[in-house]
N, C-alpha and C. Protein backbone atom coordinates (compact mmCIF):
# COMPACT_ATOMS: atom_id res chain seq x y z
N UNK A 1 -5.59 -58.61 18.28
CA UNK A 1 -4.56 -59.30 17.80
C UNK A 1 -3.25 -57.97 18.66
N UNK A 2 -2.29 -59.27 18.35
CA UNK A 2 -1.29 -58.39 18.89
C UNK A 2 -0.21 -59.26 17.87
N UNK A 3 1.28 -58.20 18.52
CA UNK A 3 2.06 -58.55 17.23
C UNK A 3 2.49 -59.51 18.11
N UNK A 4 2.74 -60.70 17.57
CA UNK A 4 3.42 -61.81 18.30
C UNK A 4 4.57 -63.47 17.85
N UNK A 5 4.83 -63.29 18.43
CA UNK A 5 6.25 -64.59 17.86
C UNK A 5 4.94 -65.69 16.77
N UNK A 6 3.33 -66.20 17.83
CA UNK A 6 2.44 -66.88 17.20
C UNK A 6 1.78 -66.76 16.15
N UNK A 7 1.44 -65.89 16.08
CA UNK A 7 0.46 -65.67 14.56
C UNK A 7 1.61 -62.99 14.64
N UNK A 8 2.12 -63.92 13.13
CA UNK A 8 2.76 -62.22 12.94
C UNK A 8 2.08 -61.34 12.01
N UNK A 9 1.41 -60.07 13.08
CA UNK A 9 0.55 -59.47 11.64
C UNK A 9 1.93 -58.33 11.43
N UNK A 10 1.54 -57.50 10.24
CA UNK A 10 2.71 -57.35 8.98
C UNK A 10 2.31 -56.05 8.71
N UNK A 11 2.46 -54.60 8.96
CA UNK A 11 1.84 -53.84 9.03
C UNK A 11 2.23 -52.90 7.87
N UNK A 12 3.26 -52.75 7.28
CA UNK A 12 3.93 -52.80 6.06
C UNK A 12 4.70 -54.19 5.02
N UNK A 13 3.87 -54.10 3.81
CA UNK A 13 5.37 -55.18 3.07
C UNK A 13 5.78 -54.47 2.03
N UNK A 14 6.83 -54.86 1.34
CA UNK A 14 8.23 -54.71 0.20
C UNK A 14 7.24 -55.31 -1.16
N UNK A 15 7.12 -54.79 -1.99
CA UNK A 15 6.73 -55.92 -2.62
C UNK A 15 7.67 -55.90 -3.97
N UNK A 16 7.31 -56.66 -5.07
CA UNK A 16 7.85 -57.13 -6.56
C UNK A 16 8.52 -56.16 -6.53
N UNK A 17 8.08 -54.90 -6.97
CA UNK A 17 8.37 -53.92 -7.53
C UNK A 17 9.91 -52.88 -6.70
N UNK A 18 10.21 -53.66 -5.67
CA UNK A 18 11.56 -53.36 -5.41
C UNK A 18 12.80 -53.78 -5.60
N UNK A 19 12.28 -55.16 -6.24
CA UNK A 19 13.71 -55.71 -7.03
C UNK A 19 14.51 -55.68 -7.74
N UNK A 20 15.67 -55.54 -7.15
CA UNK A 20 16.92 -54.88 -8.15
C UNK A 20 16.80 -53.19 -8.49
N UNK A 21 15.25 -53.07 -7.62
CA UNK A 21 16.05 -51.23 -8.07
C UNK A 21 16.32 -50.62 -6.52
N UNK A 22 16.22 -51.20 -5.92
CA UNK A 22 16.28 -51.47 -4.25
C UNK A 22 17.21 -49.91 -3.88
N UNK A 23 15.94 -49.37 -4.01
CA UNK A 23 16.25 -47.55 -3.55
C UNK A 23 15.72 -47.46 -1.92
N UNK A 24 16.74 -46.11 -1.53
CA UNK A 24 16.84 -46.71 -0.44
C UNK A 24 16.13 -45.98 0.18
N UNK A 25 15.58 -44.22 0.51
CA UNK A 25 14.95 -43.07 0.91
C UNK A 25 14.11 -43.40 2.12
N UNK A 26 13.15 -44.90 1.53
CA UNK A 26 12.09 -45.22 3.03
C UNK A 26 13.32 -45.46 3.53
N UNK A 27 13.94 -45.65 3.79
CA UNK A 27 15.04 -46.55 4.75
C UNK A 27 15.54 -45.31 6.20
N UNK A 28 15.88 -43.89 4.94
CA UNK A 28 15.98 -42.34 6.12
C UNK A 28 14.51 -42.53 6.95
N UNK A 29 13.41 -42.52 6.38
CA UNK A 29 11.85 -42.07 7.18
C UNK A 29 12.14 -43.33 7.97
N UNK A 30 12.59 -44.62 7.76
CA UNK A 30 12.17 -44.56 8.98
C UNK A 30 12.25 -45.14 10.53
N UNK A 31 11.65 -44.36 11.36
CA UNK A 31 12.08 -44.50 13.42
C UNK A 31 12.30 -45.49 13.76
N UNK A 32 11.95 -46.84 13.11
CA UNK A 32 12.34 -47.88 14.33
C UNK A 32 13.67 -48.42 13.61
N UNK A 33 14.26 -48.36 12.22
CA UNK A 33 15.26 -49.87 11.50
C UNK A 33 13.95 -51.61 12.29
N UNK A 34 12.85 -50.56 11.34
CA UNK A 34 12.60 -51.80 10.06
C UNK A 34 13.15 -52.32 8.72
N UNK A 35 14.08 -51.86 8.21
CA UNK A 35 14.02 -51.99 6.95
C UNK A 35 14.92 -53.52 7.21
N UNK A 36 15.68 -54.49 5.86
CA UNK A 36 16.45 -55.59 6.04
C UNK A 36 17.25 -55.38 4.94
N UNK A 37 17.99 -55.35 4.50
CA UNK A 37 18.86 -55.94 3.17
C UNK A 37 19.15 -57.33 2.76
N UNK A 38 18.44 -57.46 1.70
CA UNK A 38 18.27 -58.94 1.22
C UNK A 38 19.04 -58.48 -0.33
N UNK A 39 19.77 -59.63 -0.98
CA UNK A 39 19.82 -59.19 -2.47
C UNK A 39 20.27 -58.27 -3.24
N UNK A 40 18.24 -58.34 -2.98
CA UNK A 40 18.19 -57.73 -4.50
C UNK A 40 16.54 -56.86 -3.91
N UNK A 41 16.65 -56.19 -3.06
CA UNK A 41 15.45 -55.94 -2.13
C UNK A 41 15.71 -55.84 -0.26
N UNK A 42 15.15 -54.29 -0.57
CA UNK A 42 14.69 -53.86 0.71
C UNK A 42 13.39 -55.10 1.78
N UNK A 43 13.03 -55.06 2.43
CA UNK A 43 12.42 -56.30 3.19
C UNK A 43 11.56 -55.44 4.78
N UNK A 44 10.62 -55.11 5.30
CA UNK A 44 10.46 -54.61 6.02
C UNK A 44 9.87 -55.64 7.24
N UNK A 45 11.17 -56.28 8.90
CA UNK A 45 10.39 -56.92 10.02
C UNK A 45 9.37 -56.19 10.69
N UNK A 46 7.70 -57.16 10.36
CA UNK A 46 7.07 -56.78 11.19
C UNK A 46 6.75 -57.14 12.80
N UNK A 47 8.00 -58.00 12.63
CA UNK A 47 8.30 -57.56 15.13
C UNK A 47 8.67 -56.24 14.39
N UNK A 48 9.36 -55.11 14.18
CA UNK A 48 9.87 -54.14 14.41
C UNK A 48 9.42 -53.36 14.41
N UNK A 49 8.51 -53.27 13.04
CA UNK A 49 7.66 -51.88 11.93
C UNK A 49 6.70 -51.81 12.80
N UNK A 50 6.67 -49.97 13.54
CA UNK A 50 5.49 -49.74 13.96
C UNK A 50 4.17 -49.35 13.74
N UNK A 51 3.24 -49.27 12.06
CA UNK A 51 2.43 -49.34 11.13
C UNK A 51 2.85 -47.84 10.79
N UNK A 52 3.71 -46.84 11.55
CA UNK A 52 2.98 -45.74 11.05
C UNK A 52 4.35 -44.37 9.06
N UNK A 53 3.73 -46.13 8.45
CA UNK A 53 3.55 -45.63 7.30
C UNK A 53 4.47 -44.43 6.60
N UNK A 54 5.07 -44.11 7.28
CA UNK A 54 6.43 -43.24 6.97
C UNK A 54 7.88 -43.17 5.70
N UNK A 55 7.54 -44.60 5.75
CA UNK A 55 8.11 -44.54 4.30
C UNK A 55 7.38 -45.03 3.14
N UNK A 56 6.45 -45.02 3.31
CA UNK A 56 5.88 -45.08 2.07
C UNK A 56 5.59 -44.07 0.75
N UNK A 57 5.19 -42.86 1.78
CA UNK A 57 6.09 -41.77 0.15
C UNK A 57 6.42 -42.07 -0.76
N UNK A 58 8.05 -42.39 1.09
CA UNK A 58 9.36 -42.44 -0.09
C UNK A 58 10.35 -43.10 -1.05
N UNK A 59 9.30 -44.27 -1.38
CA UNK A 59 9.70 -44.72 -1.79
C UNK A 59 8.91 -45.09 -3.83
N UNK A 60 10.45 -44.60 -4.74
CA UNK A 60 9.67 -43.71 -5.44
C UNK A 60 9.37 -45.33 -7.05
N UNK A 61 9.44 -45.94 -6.15
CA UNK A 61 8.62 -46.94 -7.45
C UNK A 61 7.64 -47.34 -6.74
N UNK A 62 6.93 -47.33 -5.33
CA UNK A 62 5.34 -47.65 -4.77
C UNK A 62 5.78 -49.48 -5.22
N UNK A 63 6.55 -49.61 -3.80
CA UNK A 63 6.91 -51.47 -3.91
C UNK A 63 5.84 -51.10 -2.57
N UNK A 64 5.77 -50.29 -1.58
CA UNK A 64 6.04 -50.14 0.28
C UNK A 64 3.70 -50.33 -0.29
N UNK A 65 3.00 -50.93 0.49
CA UNK A 65 1.84 -51.97 0.37
C UNK A 65 1.40 -51.40 2.53
N UNK A 66 0.38 -51.07 3.42
CA UNK A 66 -0.41 -51.84 3.68
C UNK A 66 -0.25 -52.85 3.73
N UNK A 67 -0.69 -54.07 4.18
CA UNK A 67 -0.53 -55.11 3.85
C UNK A 67 -1.94 -55.33 3.72
N UNK A 68 -3.13 -54.48 4.59
CA UNK A 68 -4.71 -55.14 3.71
C UNK A 68 -4.95 -54.38 2.02
N UNK A 69 -3.63 -53.89 2.25
CA UNK A 69 -3.61 -52.85 0.50
C UNK A 69 -2.95 -53.88 -0.58
N UNK A 70 -1.98 -54.22 -0.09
CA UNK A 70 -0.58 -54.90 -1.32
C UNK A 70 -2.48 -55.57 -2.93
N UNK A 71 -1.17 -55.69 -3.40
CA UNK A 71 -2.12 -55.58 -4.99
C UNK A 71 -3.13 -56.98 -4.85
N UNK A 72 -3.13 -58.11 -5.88
CA UNK A 72 -3.46 -59.55 -5.20
C UNK A 72 -2.60 -60.29 -6.20
N UNK A 73 -1.64 -59.50 -7.41
CA UNK A 73 -0.51 -60.36 -7.65
C UNK A 73 0.56 -59.88 -6.50
N UNK A 74 0.81 -59.45 -6.33
CA UNK A 74 1.99 -59.44 -5.06
C UNK A 74 1.26 -59.71 -4.07
N UNK A 75 0.54 -60.45 -3.35
CA UNK A 75 0.57 -61.48 -2.01
C UNK A 75 1.02 -61.89 -1.85
N UNK A 76 2.03 -63.17 -2.89
CA UNK A 76 3.12 -63.84 -1.98
C UNK A 76 4.65 -62.88 -1.28
N UNK A 77 4.25 -61.51 -1.06
CA UNK A 77 5.22 -60.22 -0.90
C UNK A 77 5.33 -61.04 1.11
N UNK A 78 3.77 -61.21 1.01
CA UNK A 78 3.22 -60.92 2.76
C UNK A 78 4.53 -62.15 3.09
N UNK A 79 4.29 -62.85 2.21
CA UNK A 79 5.65 -64.63 3.57
C UNK A 79 6.67 -63.50 3.82
N UNK A 80 7.13 -62.87 2.12
CA UNK A 80 8.74 -62.90 1.87
C UNK A 80 8.69 -61.76 3.20
N UNK A 81 8.90 -60.76 2.97
CA UNK A 81 8.51 -60.01 3.99
C UNK A 81 8.78 -60.37 5.79
N UNK A 82 7.95 -62.17 5.99
CA UNK A 82 7.93 -62.33 7.35
C UNK A 82 9.48 -62.80 7.53
N UNK A 83 10.49 -63.30 6.21
CA UNK A 83 12.45 -63.20 6.06
C UNK A 83 13.10 -62.88 6.81
N UNK A 84 12.45 -61.59 7.37
CA UNK A 84 13.45 -60.06 6.60
C UNK A 84 14.63 -60.22 7.74
N UNK A 85 14.31 -60.43 8.95
CA UNK A 85 15.43 -61.46 10.14
C UNK A 85 16.48 -61.52 9.51
N UNK A 86 16.53 -63.08 8.21
CA UNK A 86 17.57 -63.28 8.05
C UNK A 86 18.47 -62.54 6.50
N UNK A 87 18.63 -61.10 7.25
CA UNK A 87 19.54 -60.42 5.75
C UNK A 87 19.17 -59.21 7.19
N UNK A 88 21.03 -58.52 6.60
CA UNK A 88 21.35 -57.45 8.23
C UNK A 88 19.56 -55.71 7.96
N UNK A 89 19.80 -55.44 8.84
CA UNK A 89 19.40 -54.12 9.20
C UNK A 89 20.23 -52.69 8.76
N UNK A 90 20.11 -52.31 7.69
CA UNK A 90 19.74 -51.12 7.11
C UNK A 90 19.40 -49.68 7.53
N UNK A 91 20.65 -49.24 8.08
CA UNK A 91 19.64 -47.36 8.90
C UNK A 91 19.93 -46.42 8.50
N UNK A 92 20.39 -46.40 6.85
CA UNK A 92 20.46 -45.76 6.14
C UNK A 92 20.96 -45.81 5.28
N UNK A 93 20.52 -45.14 3.72
CA UNK A 93 20.03 -44.52 2.37
C UNK A 93 20.91 -44.80 1.95
N UNK A 94 21.38 -45.67 1.12
CA UNK A 94 23.34 -45.95 -0.05
C UNK A 94 22.75 -45.07 -1.26
N UNK A 95 23.12 -45.71 -2.34
CA UNK A 95 23.24 -45.54 -3.41
C UNK A 95 22.34 -46.74 -3.80
N UNK A 96 21.13 -46.55 -4.63
CA UNK A 96 20.52 -47.83 -5.21
C UNK A 96 21.24 -49.35 -5.71
N UNK A 97 20.25 -49.73 -5.67
CA UNK A 97 21.25 -51.08 -6.70
C UNK A 97 20.69 -51.04 -8.67
N UNK A 98 19.08 -49.67 -8.96
CA UNK A 98 19.41 -50.30 -10.28
C UNK A 98 19.82 -51.23 -11.31
N UNK A 99 19.25 -52.97 -10.28
CA UNK A 99 19.75 -53.28 -11.33
C UNK A 99 18.75 -53.86 -13.12
N UNK A 100 18.85 -55.44 -13.62
CA UNK A 100 18.26 -55.56 -14.96
C UNK A 100 16.84 -55.33 -14.92
N UNK A 101 16.45 -56.48 -13.64
CA UNK A 101 15.14 -56.32 -13.71
C UNK A 101 15.10 -54.73 -12.57
N UNK A 102 15.65 -53.71 -12.16
CA UNK A 102 14.62 -52.95 -12.16
C UNK A 102 13.22 -52.37 -12.39
N UNK A 103 12.60 -51.80 -11.98
CA UNK A 103 10.66 -51.50 -12.78
C UNK A 103 10.99 -50.10 -13.20
N UNK A 104 11.76 -49.02 -12.84
CA UNK A 104 12.04 -48.02 -13.40
C UNK A 104 13.53 -47.36 -12.56
N UNK A 105 14.44 -47.66 -13.06
CA UNK A 105 15.57 -47.33 -13.26
C UNK A 105 15.41 -46.35 -12.94
N UNK A 106 14.72 -44.47 -13.96
CA UNK A 106 15.73 -43.10 -13.43
C UNK A 106 14.15 -42.77 -12.78
N UNK A 107 14.00 -43.93 -11.57
CA UNK A 107 12.94 -42.99 -10.69
C UNK A 107 13.40 -42.38 -9.68
N UNK A 108 14.44 -42.20 -9.31
CA UNK A 108 15.46 -41.44 -8.43
C UNK A 108 16.20 -41.38 -8.19
């Protein structure tokens, strides 16, 4: 399988735990600027991600998973991450959003 326009293959996926938290420590770990910033979450661009997993350990709310390991109740996030290119690339960490729906506003 290849990464192409006909069939996108996701390496890593940001899931719902990121919503309203938007901790960006993962962004600094990414060597290829695969993260995009939506208003209330981060997304990983599958066309850019090189499957290195550097971002996984940096996420304080454990929102990043390999596509094959996305929890069953979070499967819709695979498709949501496919929309990453609709949002600007984020290349450096910044203050977390820590909004009212954040699963753990004290994580980092």
